[in-house]
Protein backbone atom coordinates (compact mmCIF):
# COMPACT_ATOMS: atom_id res chain seq x y z
CA UNK A 1 163.38 110.44 55.93
CA UNK A 2 166.93 109.12 55.62
CA UNK A 3 166.57 105.51 54.47
CA UNK A 4 169.93 104.45 55.92
CA UNK A 5 169.33 105.81 59.41
CA UNK A 6 169.32 103.36 62.30
CA UNK A 7 166.69 105.49 64.06
CA UNK A 8 164.08 107.11 61.78
CA UNK A 9 162.31 108.69 64.74
CA UNK A 10 165.53 110.46 65.71
CA UNK A 11 165.86 111.68 62.10
CA UNK A 12 162.30 112.99 62.23
CA UNK A 13 162.94 114.69 65.58
CA UNK A 14 165.89 116.53 64.04
CA UNK A 15 163.84 117.62 61.03
CA UNK A 16 160.98 118.86 63.19
CA UNK A 17 163.31 120.68 65.59
CA UNK A 18 165.02 122.46 62.70
CA UNK A 19 161.67 123.38 61.18
CA UNK A 20 160.41 124.75 64.48
CA UNK A 21 163.33 127.16 64.73
CA UNK A 22 164.72 128.81 67.84
CA UNK A 23 162.24 129.58 70.65
CA UNK A 24 159.18 128.85 68.45
CA UNK A 25 155.71 130.08 69.27
CA UNK A 26 153.44 127.29 70.46
CA UNK A 27 151.57 127.22 67.14
CA UNK A 28 154.79 126.53 65.19
CA UNK A 29 156.42 124.22 67.75
CA UNK A 30 156.35 120.80 66.07
CA UNK A 31 159.13 119.10 68.04
CA UNK A 32 159.01 115.53 69.33
CA UNK A 33 161.22 113.73 71.83
CA UNK A 34 164.31 111.63 71.08
CA UNK A 35 164.33 108.45 73.16
CA UNK A 36 167.22 106.36 71.88
CA UNK A 37 166.98 102.69 72.77
CA UNK A 38 164.38 102.82 75.58
CA UNK A 39 161.65 100.41 74.33
CA UNK A 40 159.09 101.62 76.87
CA UNK A 41 159.11 105.06 75.23
CA UNK A 42 158.86 104.01 71.60
CA UNK A 43 155.05 104.01 71.47
CA UNK A 44 154.94 107.42 73.14
CA UNK A 45 157.26 109.07 70.61
CA UNK A 46 155.50 107.36 67.71
CA UNK A 47 152.24 108.86 68.94
CA UNK A 48 153.96 112.25 69.18
CA UNK A 49 155.09 111.85 65.57
CA UNK A 50 151.60 110.84 64.42
CA UNK A 51 150.13 113.87 66.18
CA UNK A 52 152.54 116.06 64.20
CA UNK A 53 151.47 114.32 60.99
CA UNK A 54 147.87 115.20 61.68
CA UNK A 55 148.56 118.74 62.90
CA UNK A 56 150.34 119.42 59.61
CA UNK A 57 146.85 119.48 58.02
CA UNK A 58 145.78 122.44 60.17
CA UNK A 59 146.15 126.16 59.59
CA UNK A 60 147.92 127.34 62.73
CA UNK A 61 148.86 130.93 63.58
CA UNK A 62 150.42 132.31 66.77
CA UNK A 63 148.42 134.55 69.07
CA UNK A 64 150.91 137.36 68.47
CA UNK A 65 153.13 138.15 65.50
CA UNK A 66 156.66 136.76 65.96
CA UNK A 67 159.49 139.24 66.36
CA UNK A 68 160.91 138.33 62.96
CA UNK A 69 157.53 138.40 61.23
CA UNK A 70 155.02 135.64 60.61
CA UNK A 71 155.77 134.67 57.00
CA UNK A 72 159.18 133.11 57.53
CA UNK A 73 157.88 131.03 60.45
CA UNK A 74 154.76 130.06 58.49
CA UNK A 75 156.75 128.96 55.46
CA UNK A 76 159.21 127.00 57.59
CA UNK A 77 156.37 125.25 59.45
CA UNK A 78 154.61 124.28 56.21
CA UNK A 79 157.77 123.58 54.22
CA UNK A 80 156.95 121.09 51.46
CA UNK A 81 159.86 118.78 52.25
CA UNK A 82 158.90 118.66 55.93
CA UNK A 83 155.26 117.95 55.04
CA UNK A 84 156.33 115.24 52.60
CA UNK A 85 158.39 113.54 55.33
CA UNK A 86 155.39 113.49 57.66
CA UNK A 87 153.05 112.28 54.90
CA UNK A 88 155.42 109.41 54.08
CA UNK A 89 155.64 108.32 57.71
CA UNK A 90 151.95 108.63 58.56
CA UNK A 91 150.56 105.41 56.98
CA UNK A 92 153.14 103.28 58.79
CA UNK A 93 152.36 104.88 62.14
CA UNK A 94 148.61 104.53 61.58
CA UNK A 95 148.99 100.86 60.66
CA UNK A 96 150.99 100.17 63.81
CA UNK A 97 149.27 102.39 66.39
CA UNK A 98 145.62 102.86 65.44
CA UNK A 99 144.34 100.43 62.83
CA UNK A 100 144.80 97.32 65.04
CA UNK A 101 142.49 98.92 67.62
CA UNK A 102 139.63 99.38 65.18
CA UNK A 103 136.93 96.72 65.72
CA UNK A 104 134.89 95.09 63.01
CA UNK A 105 131.31 96.28 63.07
CA UNK A 106 128.41 93.86 63.37
CA UNK A 107 124.74 93.90 64.23
CA UNK A 108 121.58 95.76 63.37
CA UNK A 109 122.04 99.53 63.51
CA UNK A 110 118.62 100.30 64.97
CA UNK A 111 119.13 97.80 67.78
CA UNK A 112 122.63 99.13 68.38
CA UNK A 113 121.53 102.77 68.59
CA UNK A 114 118.72 101.97 71.01
CA UNK A 115 121.09 99.99 73.26
CA UNK A 116 123.79 102.69 73.07
CA UNK A 117 121.37 105.44 74.10
CA UNK A 118 120.08 103.39 77.01
CA UNK A 119 123.60 102.48 78.19
CA UNK A 120 124.92 106.04 78.09
CA UNK A 121 121.88 107.61 79.71
CA UNK A 122 121.79 105.05 82.55
CA UNK A 123 125.55 105.12 83.18
CA UNK A 124 126.86 105.58 86.71
CA UNK A 125 128.39 108.80 87.98
CA UNK A 126 131.40 110.07 86.06
CA UNK A 127 134.35 108.27 87.68
CA UNK A 128 136.79 111.19 87.48
CA UNK A 129 134.50 113.89 88.88
CA UNK A 130 133.34 111.38 91.51
CA UNK A 131 136.97 110.91 92.55
CA UNK A 132 137.55 114.66 92.64
CA UNK A 133 134.60 115.26 94.94
CA UNK A 134 136.40 113.43 97.75
CA UNK A 135 139.98 114.30 96.83
CA UNK A 136 142.54 116.71 98.18
CA UNK A 137 144.31 118.97 95.68
CA UNK A 138 141.26 119.01 93.42
CA UNK A 139 142.59 122.02 91.49
CA UNK A 140 145.83 120.25 90.56
CA UNK A 141 143.95 117.14 89.42
CA UNK A 142 141.61 119.27 87.33
CA UNK A 143 144.44 121.25 85.76
CA UNK A 144 145.99 118.00 84.60
CA UNK A 145 142.64 116.87 83.18
CA UNK A 146 142.36 120.12 81.22
CA UNK A 147 145.90 119.81 79.87
CA UNK A 148 145.56 116.14 78.88
CA UNK A 149 142.26 116.91 77.12
CA UNK A 150 143.64 119.93 75.27
CA UNK A 151 145.34 118.27 72.25
CA UNK A 152 141.92 117.90 70.63
CA UNK A 153 139.74 120.43 72.47
CA UNK A 154 141.88 123.50 71.76
CA UNK A 155 141.14 122.90 68.09
CA UNK A 156 137.76 121.30 68.65
CA UNK A 157 135.93 119.98 65.59
CA UNK A 158 138.90 120.66 63.29
CA UNK A 159 139.28 116.92 62.79
CA UNK A 160 135.61 116.37 62.03
CA UNK A 161 135.66 119.31 59.61
CA UNK A 162 137.75 117.12 57.31
CA UNK A 163 134.79 114.71 57.11
CA UNK A 164 132.39 117.39 55.92
CA UNK A 165 134.16 118.51 52.75
CA UNK A 166 133.12 116.77 49.56
CA UNK A 167 129.70 115.86 48.21
CA UNK A 168 127.50 113.10 49.61
CA UNK A 169 123.97 114.40 49.74
CA UNK A 170 121.63 115.48 52.50
CA UNK A 171 123.55 113.96 55.47
CA UNK A 172 126.39 116.34 54.64
CA UNK A 173 124.18 119.28 55.53
CA UNK A 174 123.28 117.78 58.92
CA UNK A 175 126.94 117.18 59.73
CA UNK A 176 127.77 120.72 58.63
CA UNK A 177 125.14 122.18 60.94
CA UNK A 178 126.72 120.29 63.83
CA UNK A 179 130.12 121.55 62.74
CA UNK A 180 129.11 125.19 62.66
CA UNK A 181 127.63 124.82 66.15
CA UNK A 182 131.08 123.65 67.30
CA UNK A 183 132.63 126.72 65.68
CA UNK A 184 130.23 129.08 67.45
CA UNK A 185 127.97 129.67 64.46
CA UNK A 186 130.37 132.33 63.20
CA UNK A 187 130.68 134.16 66.54
CA UNK A 188 134.26 133.82 67.85
CA UNK A 189 133.25 134.22 71.50
CA UNK A 190 130.94 131.19 71.22
CA UNK A 191 133.43 128.92 69.45
CA UNK A 192 133.84 125.81 71.59
CA UNK A 193 137.64 125.91 71.51
CA UNK A 194 137.47 129.53 72.72
CA UNK A 195 135.21 128.46 75.60
CA UNK A 196 137.70 125.71 76.47
CA UNK A 197 140.52 128.25 76.47
CA UNK A 198 138.53 130.33 78.95
CA UNK A 199 138.21 127.32 81.27
CA UNK A 200 141.97 126.72 81.09
CA UNK A 201 142.71 130.37 81.86
CA UNK A 202 140.41 130.30 84.86
CA UNK A 203 142.65 127.58 86.31
CA UNK A 204 145.77 129.62 85.65
CA UNK A 205 146.86 127.58 82.62
CA UNK A 206 148.44 128.63 79.34
CA UNK A 207 145.69 128.47 76.70
CA UNK A 208 147.90 128.39 73.59
CA UNK A 209 147.30 125.50 71.21
CA UNK A 210 150.21 123.06 71.71
CA UNK A 211 151.42 125.10 74.68
CA UNK A 212 151.61 122.00 76.88
CA UNK A 213 152.80 119.45 74.32
CA UNK A 214 155.70 118.20 76.51
CA UNK A 215 153.21 117.17 79.21
CA UNK A 216 150.82 115.15 77.02
CA UNK A 217 151.03 111.49 77.99
CA UNK A 218 150.62 108.49 75.72
CA UNK A 219 146.89 108.04 76.32
CA UNK A 220 146.15 111.71 75.59
CA UNK A 221 148.00 111.39 72.30
CA UNK A 222 146.37 108.04 71.50
CA UNK A 223 142.88 109.53 71.90
CA UNK A 224 143.77 112.52 69.71
CA UNK A 225 145.27 110.23 67.07
CA UNK A 226 142.36 107.78 67.04
CA UNK A 227 139.98 110.66 66.31
CA UNK A 228 142.21 111.95 63.54
CA UNK A 229 142.73 108.49 62.06
CA UNK A 230 138.98 108.36 61.59
CA UNK A 231 138.56 111.79 60.03
CA UNK A 232 141.77 112.23 58.07
CA UNK A 233 141.11 109.04 56.09
CA UNK A 234 138.04 109.41 53.84
CA UNK A 235 137.75 105.63 53.58
CA UNK A 236 136.56 105.77 57.19
CA UNK A 237 133.55 107.93 56.35
CA UNK A 238 130.90 105.67 57.90
CA UNK A 239 133.10 105.16 60.94
CA UNK A 240 133.29 108.94 61.23
CA UNK A 241 129.50 108.96 61.48
CA UNK A 242 129.78 106.34 64.22
CA UNK A 243 132.24 108.53 66.10
CA UNK A 244 129.87 111.50 66.01
CA UNK A 245 126.91 109.32 67.00
CA UNK A 246 128.67 108.05 70.12
CA UNK A 247 130.64 111.19 71.01
CA UNK A 248 127.71 113.60 70.78
CA UNK A 249 125.63 111.32 72.99
CA UNK A 250 128.31 110.49 75.56
CA UNK A 251 129.32 114.13 75.83
CA UNK A 252 125.87 115.01 77.15
CA UNK A 253 126.56 113.02 80.31
CA UNK A 254 130.27 113.73 80.78
CA UNK A 255 130.03 117.49 80.23
CA UNK A 256 127.02 117.72 82.56
CA UNK A 257 129.05 115.96 85.26
CA UNK A 258 131.94 118.40 84.78
CA UNK A 259 129.62 121.40 84.76
CA UNK A 260 128.05 120.34 88.05
CA UNK A 261 131.47 119.60 89.55
CA UNK A 262 132.83 123.02 88.60
CA UNK A 263 129.78 124.84 89.92
CA UNK A 264 130.09 123.06 93.29
CA UNK A 265 133.85 122.98 93.87
CA UNK A 266 135.26 125.74 91.65
CA UNK A 267 132.43 128.29 91.42
CA UNK A 268 134.75 131.02 90.09
CA UNK A 269 135.94 128.87 87.17
CA UNK A 270 134.58 129.45 83.67
CA UNK A 271 132.29 126.46 83.07
CA UNK A 272 130.59 127.65 79.88
CA UNK A 273 132.31 125.03 77.72
CA UNK A 274 130.73 122.19 79.66
CA UNK A 275 127.36 123.86 80.10
CA UNK A 276 127.07 124.51 76.37
CA UNK A 277 127.83 120.90 75.47
CA UNK A 278 125.45 119.45 78.03
CA UNK A 279 122.70 121.44 76.28
CA UNK A 280 123.47 121.38 72.58
CA UNK A 281 124.57 117.75 72.29
CA UNK A 282 121.01 116.64 73.05
CA UNK A 283 120.07 118.13 69.69
CA UNK A 284 123.18 116.80 67.97
CA UNK A 285 122.36 113.22 68.94
CA UNK A 286 118.92 113.50 67.42
CA UNK A 287 120.34 115.06 64.28
CA UNK A 288 122.89 112.27 63.93
CA UNK A 289 120.25 109.55 64.22
CA UNK A 290 117.50 111.14 62.12
CA UNK A 291 119.50 113.03 59.48
CA UNK A 292 122.72 111.04 59.11
CA UNK A 293 122.62 107.45 60.39
CA UNK A 294 119.09 106.54 59.28
CA UNK A 295 119.26 107.93 55.71
CA UNK A 296 122.79 106.63 55.10
CA UNK A 297 121.83 103.10 56.13
CA UNK A 298 118.60 103.31 54.13
CA UNK A 299 120.61 104.18 51.03
CA UNK A 300 123.74 102.05 51.47
CA UNK A 301 122.49 99.11 53.47
CA UNK A 302 123.75 96.88 56.26
CA UNK A 303 127.46 97.26 55.42
CA UNK A 304 127.20 101.00 56.08
CA UNK A 305 125.43 100.28 59.36
CA UNK A 306 128.18 97.85 60.39
CA UNK A 307 130.84 100.51 59.73
CA UNK A 308 128.90 103.07 61.76
CA UNK A 309 128.81 100.59 64.65
CA UNK A 310 132.56 99.99 64.27
CA UNK A 311 133.24 103.72 64.50
CA UNK A 312 131.04 104.09 67.56
CA UNK A 313 132.73 101.16 69.28
CA UNK A 314 136.22 102.50 68.55
CA UNK A 315 135.14 105.84 70.00
CA UNK A 316 133.68 104.23 73.10
CA UNK A 317 136.88 102.24 73.70
CA UNK A 318 139.21 105.20 73.07
CA UNK A 319 137.37 107.51 75.46
CA UNK A 320 137.08 104.80 78.11
CA UNK A 321 140.80 104.02 77.93
CA UNK A 322 141.75 107.70 78.20
CA UNK A 323 139.37 108.23 81.13
CA UNK A 324 140.58 105.19 83.06
CA UNK A 325 144.18 106.20 82.50
CA UNK A 326 143.65 109.79 83.67
CA UNK A 327 141.96 108.60 86.85
CA UNK A 328 144.74 106.06 87.42
CA UNK A 329 147.41 108.76 87.13
CA UNK A 330 145.58 111.00 89.60
CA UNK A 331 145.15 108.16 92.07
CA UNK A 332 148.80 107.13 91.76
CA UNK A 333 150.07 110.67 92.27
CA UNK A 334 147.82 111.16 95.30
CA UNK A 335 149.21 107.93 96.79
CA UNK A 336 152.88 108.72 96.10
CA UNK A 337 154.83 109.45 99.25
CA UNK A 338 157.16 111.91 97.52
CA UNK A 339 154.54 113.94 95.65
CA UNK A 340 154.94 117.72 95.61
CA UNK A 341 151.87 119.34 94.11
CA UNK A 342 151.73 122.06 91.47
CA UNK A 343 154.04 123.04 88.62
CA UNK A 344 155.18 126.64 88.19
CA UNK A 345 156.71 128.22 85.11
CA UNK A 346 156.26 128.21 81.35
CA UNK A 347 155.49 124.67 80.15
CA UNK A 348 157.89 124.50 77.18
CA UNK A 349 160.98 126.05 78.80
CA UNK A 350 162.77 123.02 80.22
CA UNK A 351 162.23 119.82 78.27
CA UNK A 352 163.52 117.15 80.60
CA UNK A 353 163.75 113.76 78.94
CA UNK A 354 160.64 111.55 79.18
CA UNK A 355 160.42 108.34 81.19
CA UNK A 356 157.69 105.74 81.73
CA UNK A 357 156.99 103.54 84.77
CA UNK A 358 158.89 100.77 82.92
CA UNK A 359 162.04 102.88 82.42
CA UNK A 360 165.15 102.25 84.50
CA UNK A 361 164.16 104.62 87.28
CA UNK A 362 167.01 103.48 89.53
CA UNK A 363 169.43 105.05 87.05
CA UNK A 364 167.92 108.48 87.75
CA UNK A 365 169.48 108.67 91.21
CA UNK A 366 168.33 111.81 93.00
CA UNK A 367 166.64 113.30 89.94
CA UNK A 368 163.00 114.30 90.27
CA UNK A 369 160.17 113.34 87.92
CA UNK A 370 157.44 115.73 86.84
CA UNK A 371 154.07 114.11 86.07
CA UNK A 372 151.95 116.20 83.73
CA UNK A 373 150.94 119.36 85.54
CA UNK A 374 150.03 117.48 88.72
CA UNK A 375 153.41 118.10 90.27
CA UNK A 376 156.79 116.51 90.95
CA UNK A 377 157.92 113.22 92.51
CA UNK A 378 161.05 113.86 94.55
CA UNK A 379 161.68 110.08 94.61
CA UNK A 380 161.75 108.80 91.02
CA UNK A 381 161.08 105.24 92.24
CA UNK A 382 157.50 106.25 93.08
CA UNK A 383 156.81 106.58 89.36
CA UNK A 384 157.00 102.79 88.97
CA UNK A 385 153.52 102.49 90.54
CA UNK A 386 151.85 104.63 87.85
CA UNK A 387 149.79 103.31 84.91
CA UNK A 388 151.99 101.94 82.10
CA UNK A 389 151.16 104.75 79.65
CA UNK A 390 152.03 107.53 82.10
CA UNK A 391 154.82 109.88 81.06
CA UNK A 392 157.14 111.72 83.41
CA UNK A 393 159.79 114.36 82.71
CA UNK A 394 163.17 114.07 84.41
CA UNK A 395 164.19 117.20 86.30
CA UNK A 396 167.68 117.88 87.58
């Protein structure tokens, strides 16, 4: 990046826009927003930039060959200078956005695992699906949930795949077996990201990876980036194990709640993604405890156990924060007097500038604000009542 620039994020935005080219396919669209001096949007755009840093490690191809051929777009997307710019920026963004959130691990791992299992399995009803059961416009709320969850789930397990490569003994094989389950055991139709795409399509959504990137809010990006911070840094290996321990266990409950909700309120929707997880993650939890956590701690001692706990606690906090935020956005939109539900059109066509509830909304005048794929606020002032990390798009 240009060392003399007054705004390195603006420099990066220009580089990424140029690399994306004109009318890019979703797979090769690596743009981020330019926010100028608005301090309330700085964290949001930094999270966008960090997401692009992490996505640069993925092999991405469009669903259809571009009109000008795929090679030129592929080479532009993975241009060495562009990748070097992202690689240089990434440690600074991680240090500012993610590392301060990571707790220090402490305690006995066996005691921790027993308490974690008991807490998750005795947890109250899923707050979001409980809200939906009594809500109007359930379909709009659920569409927004699917979109905000898609940064990670449309490439599910790609982050954790980075923690499998290498050589570290028998636990590696257990983690690999979990990984190949996530990838459908070699059958494309059973790949979990493919099942998630089917759920999105059944709600009338675009299922392209990155297809909704302008509508991701700060919390959606923060969850994606916390996961990738764990797995794209090998020094976090034991924390990666903690992530999988907590995530595989918590997913049993959350996916079962979503599966039951879909069967009751949207019986025509494709619910296989959630049904599959509610089943298979029972086995994954046992594998994590018996074949990864226990032997790793037996070999490497209490410090390894403390790191596993730290990873599990970071995961717990990241998922809780994202869940509370999503519910808060839904509740705020439902309470807004100027809410117009539903968003038509292709999601990347009109990129109105982003605003947060702390932005100068009075300066928007009669402009409308789009909130995710929930819909549009015809009175921009209503957006002030939304959670702080909510992102809106200004419409003419």
